[in-house]
């Protein structure tokens, strides 16, 4: 899922509909992280918190900043292949 988000953010060959689901958080302040996604507002815990849009944003925001700032997809997949997601809280 993280690879799909990387492709959508960096404008790789991803359908336009998927790109429109994910929105980068915009702020006037200089924050430490780059390419941080907005978490969509959810109405229900059954369908909202388990949706792909919400889960993809949570996984992407849980990644370290140097993962999100990778220059190409090869570097990104190499970094994420060595990462264990068991330590992250979603």
PDB file of N, CA and C in Angstrom:
ATOM      1  N   UNK A   1       0.834  -1.182   0.000  1.00  0.00           N
ATOM      2  CA  UNK A   1       0.000   0.000   0.000  1.00  0.00           C
ATOM      3  C   UNK A   1       0.888   1.258   0.000  1.00  0.00           C
ATOM      4  N   UNK A   2       1.993   1.193   0.714  1.00  0.00           N
ATOM      5  CA  UNK A   2       2.896   2.338   0.772  1.00  0.00           C
ATOM      6  C   UNK A   2       3.513   2.622  -0.600  1.00  0.00           C
ATOM      7  N   UNK A   3       3.781   1.578  -1.358  1.00  0.00           N
ATOM      8  CA  UNK A   3       4.333   1.771  -2.702  1.00  0.00           C
ATOM      9  C   UNK A   3       3.322   2.445  -3.616  1.00  0.00           C
ATOM     10  N   UNK A   4       2.068   2.080  -3.491  1.00  0.00           N
ATOM     11  CA  UNK A   4       1.017   2.725  -4.280  1.00  0.00           C
ATOM     12  C   UNK A   4       0.862   4.193  -3.934  1.00  0.00           C
ATOM     13  N   UNK A   5       0.985   4.530  -2.659  1.00  0.00           N
ATOM     14  CA  UNK A   5       0.915   5.934  -2.246  1.00  0.00           C
ATOM     15  C   UNK A   5       2.110   6.702  -2.786  1.00  0.00           C
ATOM     16  N   UNK A   6       3.297   6.081  -2.744  1.00  0.00           N
ATOM     17  CA  UNK A   6       4.491   6.736  -3.297  1.00  0.00           C
ATOM     18  C   UNK A   6       4.290   7.055  -4.773  1.00  0.00           C
ATOM     19  N   UNK A   7       3.772   6.094  -5.513  1.00  0.00           N
ATOM     20  CA  UNK A   7       3.543   6.304  -6.942  1.00  0.00           C
ATOM     21  C   UNK A   7       2.515   7.403  -7.186  1.00  0.00           C
ATOM     22  N   UNK A   8       1.472   7.449  -6.359  1.00  0.00           N
ATOM     23  CA  UNK A   8       0.435   8.469  -6.538  1.00  0.00           C
ATOM     24  C   UNK A   8       0.960   9.859  -6.218  1.00  0.00           C
ATOM     25  N   UNK A   9       1.770   9.984  -5.199  1.00  0.00           N
ATOM     26  CA  UNK A   9       2.291  11.301  -4.810  1.00  0.00           C
ATOM     27  C   UNK A   9       3.314  11.800  -5.819  1.00  0.00           C
ATOM     28  N   UNK A  10       4.167  10.909  -6.298  1.00  0.00           N
ATOM     29  CA  UNK A  10       5.233  11.304  -7.220  1.00  0.00           C
ATOM     30  C   UNK A  10       4.849  11.176  -8.686  1.00  0.00           C
ATOM     31  N   UNK A  11       3.556  11.077  -8.964  1.00  0.00           N
ATOM     32  CA  UNK A  11       2.998  11.131 -10.320  1.00  0.00           C
ATOM     33  C   UNK A  11       3.503  10.038 -11.249  1.00  0.00           C
ATOM     34  N   UNK A  12       3.658   8.838 -10.722  1.00  0.00           N
ATOM     35  CA  UNK A  12       3.989   7.711 -11.593  1.00  0.00           C
ATOM     36  C   UNK A  12       2.708   7.271 -12.300  1.00  0.00           C
ATOM     37  N   UNK A  13       2.769   6.201 -13.035  1.00  0.00           N
ATOM     38  CA  UNK A  13       1.613   5.737 -13.810  1.00  0.00           C
ATOM     39  C   UNK A  13       0.541   5.171 -12.889  1.00  0.00           C
ATOM     40  N   UNK A  14      -0.256   6.070 -12.349  1.00  0.00           N
ATOM     41  CA  UNK A  14      -1.355   5.716 -11.440  1.00  0.00           C
ATOM     42  C   UNK A  14      -2.603   6.392 -11.977  1.00  0.00           C
ATOM     43  N   UNK A  15      -3.739   5.717 -11.952  1.00  0.00           N
ATOM     44  CA  UNK A  15      -4.977   6.346 -12.423  1.00  0.00           C
ATOM     45  C   UNK A  15      -5.296   7.630 -11.664  1.00  0.00           C
ATOM     46  N   UNK A  16      -5.906   8.547 -12.354  1.00  0.00           N
ATOM     47  CA  UNK A  16      -6.223   9.849 -11.793  1.00  0.00           C
ATOM     48  C   UNK A  16      -7.126   9.734 -10.563  1.00  0.00           C
ATOM     49  N   UNK A  17      -8.033   8.775 -10.565  1.00  0.00           N
ATOM     50  CA  UNK A  17      -8.947   8.594  -9.441  1.00  0.00           C
ATOM     51  C   UNK A  17      -8.222   8.269  -8.141  1.00  0.00           C
ATOM     52  N   UNK A  18      -7.159   7.481  -8.232  1.00  0.00           N
ATOM     53  CA  UNK A  18      -6.386   7.145  -7.039  1.00  0.00           C
ATOM     54  C   UNK A  18      -5.613   8.366  -6.554  1.00  0.00           C
ATOM     55  N   UNK A  19      -5.051   9.135  -7.480  1.00  0.00           N
ATOM     56  CA  UNK A  19      -4.339  10.357  -7.089  1.00  0.00           C
ATOM     57  C   UNK A  19      -5.251  11.342  -6.380  1.00  0.00           C
ATOM     58  N   UNK A  20      -6.512  11.395  -6.791  1.00  0.00           N
ATOM     59  CA  UNK A  20      -7.445  12.339  -6.193  1.00  0.00           C
ATOM     60  C   UNK A  20      -7.888  11.930  -4.788  1.00  0.00           C
ATOM     61  N   UNK A  21      -7.708  10.671  -4.418  1.00  0.00           N
ATOM     62  CA  UNK A  21      -8.083  10.215  -3.081  1.00  0.00           C
ATOM     63  C   UNK A  21      -7.113  10.694  -2.003  1.00  0.00           C
ATOM     64  N   UNK A  22      -5.864  10.899  -2.384  1.00  0.00           N
ATOM     65  CA  UNK A  22      -4.835  11.259  -1.416  1.00  0.00           C
ATOM     66  C   UNK A  22      -4.478  12.731  -1.560  1.00  0.00           C
ATOM     67  N   UNK A  23      -4.484  13.447  -0.452  1.00  0.00           N
ATOM     68  CA  UNK A  23      -4.175  14.876  -0.464  1.00  0.00           C
ATOM     69  C   UNK A  23      -3.039  15.163   0.506  1.00  0.00           C
ATOM     70  N   UNK A  24      -2.036  15.886   0.000  1.00  0.00           N
ATOM     71  CA  UNK A  24      -0.951  16.278   0.895  1.00  0.00           C
ATOM     72  C   UNK A  24      -1.418  17.396   1.804  1.00  0.00           C
ATOM     73  N   UNK A  25      -0.965  17.338   3.042  1.00  0.00           N
ATOM     74  CA  UNK A  25      -1.349  18.355   4.012  1.00  0.00           C
ATOM     75  C   UNK A  25      -0.584  19.631   3.700  1.00  0.00           C
ATOM     76  N   UNK A  26      -1.307  20.717   3.598  1.00  0.00           N
ATOM     77  CA  UNK A  26      -0.672  22.002   3.324  1.00  0.00           C
ATOM     78  C   UNK A  26      -0.733  22.855   4.583  1.00  0.00           C
ATOM     79  N   UNK A  27       0.352  23.541   4.873  1.00  0.00           N
ATOM     80  CA  UNK A  27       0.431  24.390   6.043  1.00  0.00           C
ATOM     81  C   UNK A  27       1.334  25.579   5.754  1.00  0.00           C
ATOM     82  N   UNK A  28       1.167  26.617   6.504  1.00  0.00           N
ATOM     83  CA  UNK A  28       2.009  27.805   6.352  1.00  0.00           C
ATOM     84  C   UNK A  28       3.283  27.707   7.177  1.00  0.00           C
ATOM     85  N   UNK A  29       3.395  26.684   7.993  1.00  0.00           N
ATOM     86  CA  UNK A  29       4.541  26.514   8.874  1.00  0.00           C
ATOM     87  C   UNK A  29       5.531  25.540   8.267  1.00  0.00           C
ATOM     88  N   UNK A  30       6.789  25.703   8.658  1.00  0.00           N
ATOM     89  CA  UNK A  30       7.835  24.793   8.209  1.00  0.00           C
ATOM     90  C   UNK A  30       7.885  23.625   9.188  1.00  0.00           C
ATOM     91  N   UNK A  31       7.332  22.497   8.786  1.00  0.00           N
ATOM     92  CA  UNK A  31       7.311  21.323   9.640  1.00  0.00           C
ATOM     93  C   UNK A  31       8.481  20.421   9.300  1.00  0.00           C
ATOM     94  N   UNK A  32       8.792  19.513  10.175  1.00  0.00           N
ATOM     95  CA  UNK A  32       9.928  18.621   9.958  1.00  0.00           C
ATOM     96  C   UNK A  32       9.678  17.617   8.846  1.00  0.00           C
ATOM     97  N   UNK A  33       8.472  17.116   8.737  1.00  0.00           N
ATOM     98  CA  UNK A  33       8.177  16.097   7.746  1.00  0.00           C
ATOM     99  C   UNK A  33       7.766  16.693   6.412  1.00  0.00           C
ATOM    100  N   UNK A  34       8.058  15.988   5.362  1.00  0.00           N
ATOM    101  CA  UNK A  34       7.635  16.387   4.025  1.00  0.00           C
ATOM    102  C   UNK A  34       6.738  15.296   3.465  1.00  0.00           C
ATOM    103  N   UNK A  35       5.873  15.672   2.554  1.00  0.00           N
ATOM    104  CA  UNK A  35       4.941  14.744   1.908  1.00  0.00           C
ATOM    105  C   UNK A  35       4.047  14.043   2.933  1.00  0.00           C
ATOM    106  N   UNK A  36       3.512  14.786   3.883  1.00  0.00           N
ATOM    107  CA  UNK A  36       2.599  14.232   4.868  1.00  0.00           C
ATOM    108  C   UNK A  36       1.180  14.365   4.320  1.00  0.00           C
ATOM    109  N   UNK A  37       0.410  13.293   4.427  1.00  0.00           N
ATOM    110  CA  UNK A  37      -0.940  13.277   3.881  1.00  0.00           C
ATOM    111  C   UNK A  37      -1.969  13.686   4.930  1.00  0.00           C
ATOM    112  N   UNK A  38      -3.049  14.280   4.445  1.00  0.00           N
ATOM    113  CA  UNK A  38      -4.175  14.600   5.318  1.00  0.00           C
ATOM    114  C   UNK A  38      -4.917  13.317   5.658  1.00  0.00           C
ATOM    115  N   UNK A  39      -5.339  13.203   6.899  1.00  0.00           N
ATOM    116  CA  UNK A  39      -6.197  12.083   7.274  1.00  0.00           C
ATOM    117  C   UNK A  39      -7.632  12.483   6.990  1.00  0.00           C
ATOM    118  N   UNK A  40      -8.341  11.701   6.195  1.00  0.00           N
ATOM    119  CA  UNK A  40      -9.725  12.064   5.876  1.00  0.00           C
ATOM    120  C   UNK A  40     -10.622  11.934   7.105  1.00  0.00           C
ATOM    121  N   UNK A  41     -11.628  12.771   7.175  1.00  0.00           N
ATOM    122  CA  UNK A  41     -12.597  12.655   8.260  1.00  0.00           C
ATOM    123  C   UNK A  41     -13.490  11.448   7.996  1.00  0.00           C
ATOM    124  N   UNK A  42     -13.740  10.702   9.035  1.00  0.00           N
ATOM    125  CA  UNK A  42     -14.564   9.504   8.890  1.00  0.00           C
ATOM    126  C   UNK A  42     -15.837   9.672   9.696  1.00  0.00           C
ATOM    127  N   UNK A  43     -16.909   9.094   9.195  1.00  0.00           N
ATOM    128  CA  UNK A  43     -18.195   9.159   9.872  1.00  0.00           C
ATOM    129  C   UNK A  43     -18.464   7.922  10.708  1.00  0.00           C
ATOM    130  N   UNK A  44     -17.961   6.786  10.281  1.00  0.00           N
ATOM    131  CA  UNK A  44     -18.207   5.549  11.006  1.00  0.00           C
ATOM    132  C   UNK A  44     -16.893   4.816  11.229  1.00  0.00           C
ATOM    133  N   UNK A  45     -16.828   4.072  12.317  1.00  0.00           N
ATOM    134  CA  UNK A  45     -15.620   3.294  12.564  1.00  0.00           C
ATOM    135  C   UNK A  45     -15.614   2.017  11.739  1.00  0.00           C
ATOM    136  N   UNK A  46     -16.785   1.551  11.350  1.00  0.00           N
ATOM    137  CA  UNK A  46     -16.856   0.318  10.586  1.00  0.00           C
ATOM    138  C   UNK A  46     -16.316   0.495   9.175  1.00  0.00           C
ATOM    139  N   UNK A  47     -16.765   1.530   8.500  1.00  0.00           N
ATOM    140  CA  UNK A  47     -16.359   1.723   7.105  1.00  0.00           C
ATOM    141  C   UNK A  47     -15.304   2.806   6.949  1.00  0.00           C
ATOM    142  N   UNK A  48     -15.300   3.807   7.802  1.00  0.00           N
ATOM    143  CA  UNK A  48     -14.373   4.916   7.647  1.00  0.00           C
ATOM    144  C   UNK A  48     -12.954   4.586   8.043  1.00  0.00           C
ATOM    145  N   UNK A  49     -12.775   3.997   9.230  1.00  0.00           N
ATOM    146  CA  UNK A  49     -11.429   3.689   9.704  1.00  0.00           C
ATOM    147  C   UNK A  49     -10.794   2.514   8.975  1.00  0.00           C
ATOM    148  N   UNK A  50     -11.598   1.693   8.339  1.00  0.00           N
ATOM    149  CA  UNK A  50     -11.079   0.537   7.616  1.00  0.00           C
ATOM    150  C   UNK A  50     -10.998   0.774   6.112  1.00  0.00           C
ATOM    151  N   UNK A  51     -11.237   2.002   5.684  1.00  0.00           N
ATOM    152  CA  UNK A  51     -11.186   2.298   4.252  1.00  0.00           C
ATOM    153  C   UNK A  51      -9.739   2.359   3.782  1.00  0.00           C
ATOM    154  N   UNK A  52      -9.551   2.114   2.517  1.00  0.00           N
ATOM    155  CA  UNK A  52      -8.208   2.161   1.950  1.00  0.00           C
ATOM    156  C   UNK A  52      -7.605   3.544   2.001  1.00  0.00           C
ATOM    157  N   UNK A  53      -8.417   4.551   1.837  1.00  0.00           N
ATOM    158  CA  UNK A  53      -7.936   5.929   1.848  1.00  0.00           C
ATOM    159  C   UNK A  53      -7.378   6.299   3.224  1.00  0.00           C
ATOM    160  N   UNK A  54      -8.087   5.936   4.285  1.00  0.00           N
ATOM    161  CA  UNK A  54      -7.639   6.250   5.640  1.00  0.00           C
ATOM    162  C   UNK A  54      -6.412   5.419   6.012  1.00  0.00           C
ATOM    163  N   UNK A  55      -6.440   4.130   5.712  1.00  0.00           N
ATOM    164  CA  UNK A  55      -5.334   3.242   6.039  1.00  0.00           C
ATOM    165  C   UNK A  55      -4.067   3.624   5.283  1.00  0.00           C
ATOM    166  N   UNK A  56      -4.203   3.965   4.008  1.00  0.00           N
ATOM    167  CA  UNK A  56      -3.037   4.363   3.220  1.00  0.00           C
ATOM    168  C   UNK A  56      -2.400   5.629   3.787  1.00  0.00           C
ATOM    169  N   UNK A  57      -3.217   6.577   4.214  1.00  0.00           N
ATOM    170  CA  UNK A  57      -2.687   7.810   4.796  1.00  0.00           C
ATOM    171  C   UNK A  57      -1.977   7.533   6.113  1.00  0.00           C
ATOM    172  N   UNK A  58      -2.543   6.656   6.942  1.00  0.00           N
ATOM    173  CA  UNK A  58      -1.917   6.321   8.224  1.00  0.00           C
ATOM    174  C   UNK A  58      -0.581   5.620   8.016  1.00  0.00           C
ATOM    175  N   UNK A  59      -0.526   4.671   7.089  1.00  0.00           N
ATOM    176  CA  UNK A  59       0.723   3.966   6.819  1.00  0.00           C
ATOM    177  C   UNK A  59       1.767   4.928   6.281  1.00  0.00           C
ATOM    178  N   UNK A  60       1.380   5.786   5.349  1.00  0.00           N
ATOM    179  CA  UNK A  60       2.315   6.726   4.758  1.00  0.00           C
ATOM    180  C   UNK A  60       2.866   7.703   5.800  1.00  0.00           C
ATOM    181  N   UNK A  61       2.000   8.215   6.665  1.00  0.00           N
ATOM    182  CA  UNK A  61       2.447   9.171   7.676  1.00  0.00           C
ATOM    183  C   UNK A  61       3.293   8.508   8.757  1.00  0.00           C
ATOM    184  N   UNK A  62       3.171   7.192   8.935  1.00  0.00           N
ATOM    185  CA  UNK A  62       3.961   6.476   9.931  1.00  0.00           C
ATOM    186  C   UNK A  62       5.381   6.205   9.451  1.00  0.00           C
ATOM    187  N   UNK A  63       5.623   6.317   8.159  1.00  0.00           N
ATOM    188  CA  UNK A  63       6.965   6.086   7.629  1.00  0.00           C
ATOM    189  C   UNK A  63       7.909   7.213   8.047  1.00  0.00           C
ATOM    190  N   UNK A  64       9.181   6.901   8.248  1.00  0.00           N
ATOM    191  CA  UNK A  64      10.161   7.967   8.522  1.00  0.00           C
ATOM    192  C   UNK A  64      10.279   8.918   7.336  1.00  0.00           C
ATOM    193  N   UNK A  65      10.737  10.119   7.602  1.00  0.00           N
ATOM    194  CA  UNK A  65      10.798  11.163   6.583  1.00  0.00           C
ATOM    195  C   UNK A  65      11.735  10.793   5.435  1.00  0.00           C
ATOM    196  N   UNK A  66      12.847  10.140   5.722  1.00  0.00           N
ATOM    197  CA  UNK A  66      13.782   9.807   4.627  1.00  0.00           C
ATOM    198  C   UNK A  66      13.204   8.731   3.710  1.00  0.00           C
ATOM    199  N   UNK A  67      12.241   7.958   4.180  1.00  0.00           N
ATOM    200  CA  UNK A  67      11.553   7.016   3.295  1.00  0.00           C
ATOM    201  C   UNK A  67      10.659   7.779   2.325  1.00  0.00           C
ATOM    202  N   UNK A  68       9.894   8.732   2.855  1.00  0.00           N
ATOM    203  CA  UNK A  68       8.951   9.495   2.032  1.00  0.00           C
ATOM    204  C   UNK A  68       9.664  10.399   1.037  1.00  0.00           C
ATOM    205  N   UNK A  69      10.903  10.793   1.343  1.00  0.00           N
ATOM    206  CA  UNK A  69      11.650  11.699   0.478  1.00  0.00           C
ATOM    207  C   UNK A  69      12.581  10.957  -0.486  1.00  0.00           C
ATOM    208  N   UNK A  70      12.399   9.669  -0.664  1.00  0.00           N
ATOM    209  CA  UNK A  70      13.256   8.892  -1.571  1.00  0.00           C
ATOM    210  C   UNK A  70      13.143   9.433  -2.991  1.00  0.00           C
ATOM    211  N   UNK A  71      14.258   9.408  -3.713  1.00  0.00           N
ATOM    212  CA  UNK A  71      14.317   9.993  -5.051  1.00  0.00           C
ATOM    213  C   UNK A  71      13.593   9.177  -6.112  1.00  0.00           C
ATOM    214  N   UNK A  72      13.630   7.861  -6.001  1.00  0.00           N
ATOM    215  CA  UNK A  72      12.947   7.043  -7.000  1.00  0.00           C
ATOM    216  C   UNK A  72      12.306   5.827  -6.345  1.00  0.00           C
ATOM    217  N   UNK A  73      11.500   5.131  -7.108  1.00  0.00           N
ATOM    218  CA  UNK A  73      10.722   4.015  -6.589  1.00  0.00           C
ATOM    219  C   UNK A  73      11.605   2.850  -6.173  1.00  0.00           C
ATOM    220  N   UNK A  74      12.740   2.665  -6.833  1.00  0.00           N
ATOM    221  CA  UNK A  74      13.657   1.584  -6.468  1.00  0.00           C
ATOM    222  C   UNK A  74      14.231   1.767  -5.079  1.00  0.00           C
ATOM    223  N   UNK A  75      14.641   2.982  -4.773  1.00  0.00           N
ATOM    224  CA  UNK A  75      15.177   3.277  -3.440  1.00  0.00           C
ATOM    225  C   UNK A  75      14.079   3.105  -2.393  1.00  0.00           C
ATOM    226  N   UNK A  76      12.879   3.574  -2.705  1.00  0.00           N
ATOM    227  CA  UNK A  76      11.767   3.473  -1.760  1.00  0.00           C
ATOM    228  C   UNK A  76      11.428   2.022  -1.455  1.00  0.00           C
ATOM    229  N   UNK A  77      11.320   1.183  -2.471  1.00  0.00           N
ATOM    230  CA  UNK A  77      10.979  -0.219  -2.233  1.00  0.00           C
ATOM    231  C   UNK A  77      12.104  -0.940  -1.499  1.00  0.00           C
ATOM    232  N   UNK A  78      13.337  -0.564  -1.759  1.00  0.00           N
ATOM    233  CA  UNK A  78      14.460  -1.167  -1.045  1.00  0.00           C
ATOM    234  C   UNK A  78      14.397  -0.809   0.434  1.00  0.00           C
ATOM    235  N   UNK A  79      14.088   0.437   0.751  1.00  0.00           N
ATOM    236  CA  UNK A  79      13.990   0.856   2.151  1.00  0.00           C
ATOM    237  C   UNK A  79      12.819   0.174   2.860  1.00  0.00           C
ATOM    238  N   UNK A  80      11.669   0.125   2.198  1.00  0.00           N
ATOM    239  CA  UNK A  80      10.494  -0.445   2.849  1.00  0.00           C
ATOM    240  C   UNK A  80      10.551  -1.963   2.937  1.00  0.00           C
ATOM    241  N   UNK A  81      11.326  -2.611   2.099  1.00  0.00           N
ATOM    242  CA  UNK A  81      11.421  -4.072   2.183  1.00  0.00           C
ATOM    243  C   UNK A  81      12.150  -4.498   3.452  1.00  0.00           C
ATOM    244  N   UNK A  82      12.974  -3.638   3.993  1.00  0.00           N
ATOM    245  CA  UNK A  82      13.723  -3.956   5.208  1.00  0.00           C
ATOM    246  C   UNK A  82      13.009  -3.483   6.468  1.00  0.00           C
ATOM    247  N   UNK A  83      11.837  -2.922   6.313  1.00  0.00           N
ATOM    248  CA  UNK A  83      11.109  -2.348   7.436  1.00  0.00           C
ATOM    249  C   UNK A  83      10.041  -3.313   7.922  1.00  0.00           C
ATOM    250  N   UNK A  84       9.953  -3.448   9.200  1.00  0.00           N
ATOM    251  CA  UNK A  84       8.912  -4.283   9.796  1.00  0.00           C
ATOM    252  C   UNK A  84       7.810  -3.374  10.315  1.00  0.00           C
ATOM    253  N   UNK A  85       6.596  -3.548   9.821  1.00  0.00           N
ATOM    254  CA  UNK A  85       5.470  -2.708  10.211  1.00  0.00           C
ATOM    255  C   UNK A  85       4.839  -3.156  11.520  1.00  0.00           C
ATOM    256  N   UNK A  86       5.389  -4.158  12.155  1.00  0.00           N
ATOM    257  CA  UNK A  86       4.806  -4.629  13.406  1.00  0.00           C
ATOM    258  C   UNK A  86       5.001  -3.609  14.541  1.00  0.00           C
ATOM    259  N   UNK A  87       6.014  -2.764  14.440  1.00  0.00           N
ATOM    260  CA  UNK A  87       6.311  -1.810  15.496  1.00  0.00           C
ATOM    261  C   UNK A  87       5.494  -0.529  15.376  1.00  0.00           C
ATOM    262  N   UNK A  88       4.813  -0.332  14.267  1.00  0.00           N
ATOM    263  CA  UNK A  88       4.028   0.891  14.053  1.00  0.00           C
ATOM    264  C   UNK A  88       2.630   0.710  14.630  1.00  0.00           C
ATOM    265  N   UNK A  89       2.086   1.798  15.126  1.00  0.00           N
ATOM    266  CA  UNK A  89       0.697   1.773  15.586  1.00  0.00           C
ATOM    267  C   UNK A  89      -0.132   2.516  14.564  1.00  0.00           C
ATOM    268  N   UNK A  90      -1.163   1.863  14.064  1.00  0.00           N
ATOM    269  CA  UNK A  90      -2.008   2.476  13.038  1.00  0.00           C
ATOM    270  C   UNK A  90      -3.263   2.952  13.637  1.00  0.00           C
TER     271      UNK A  90
END
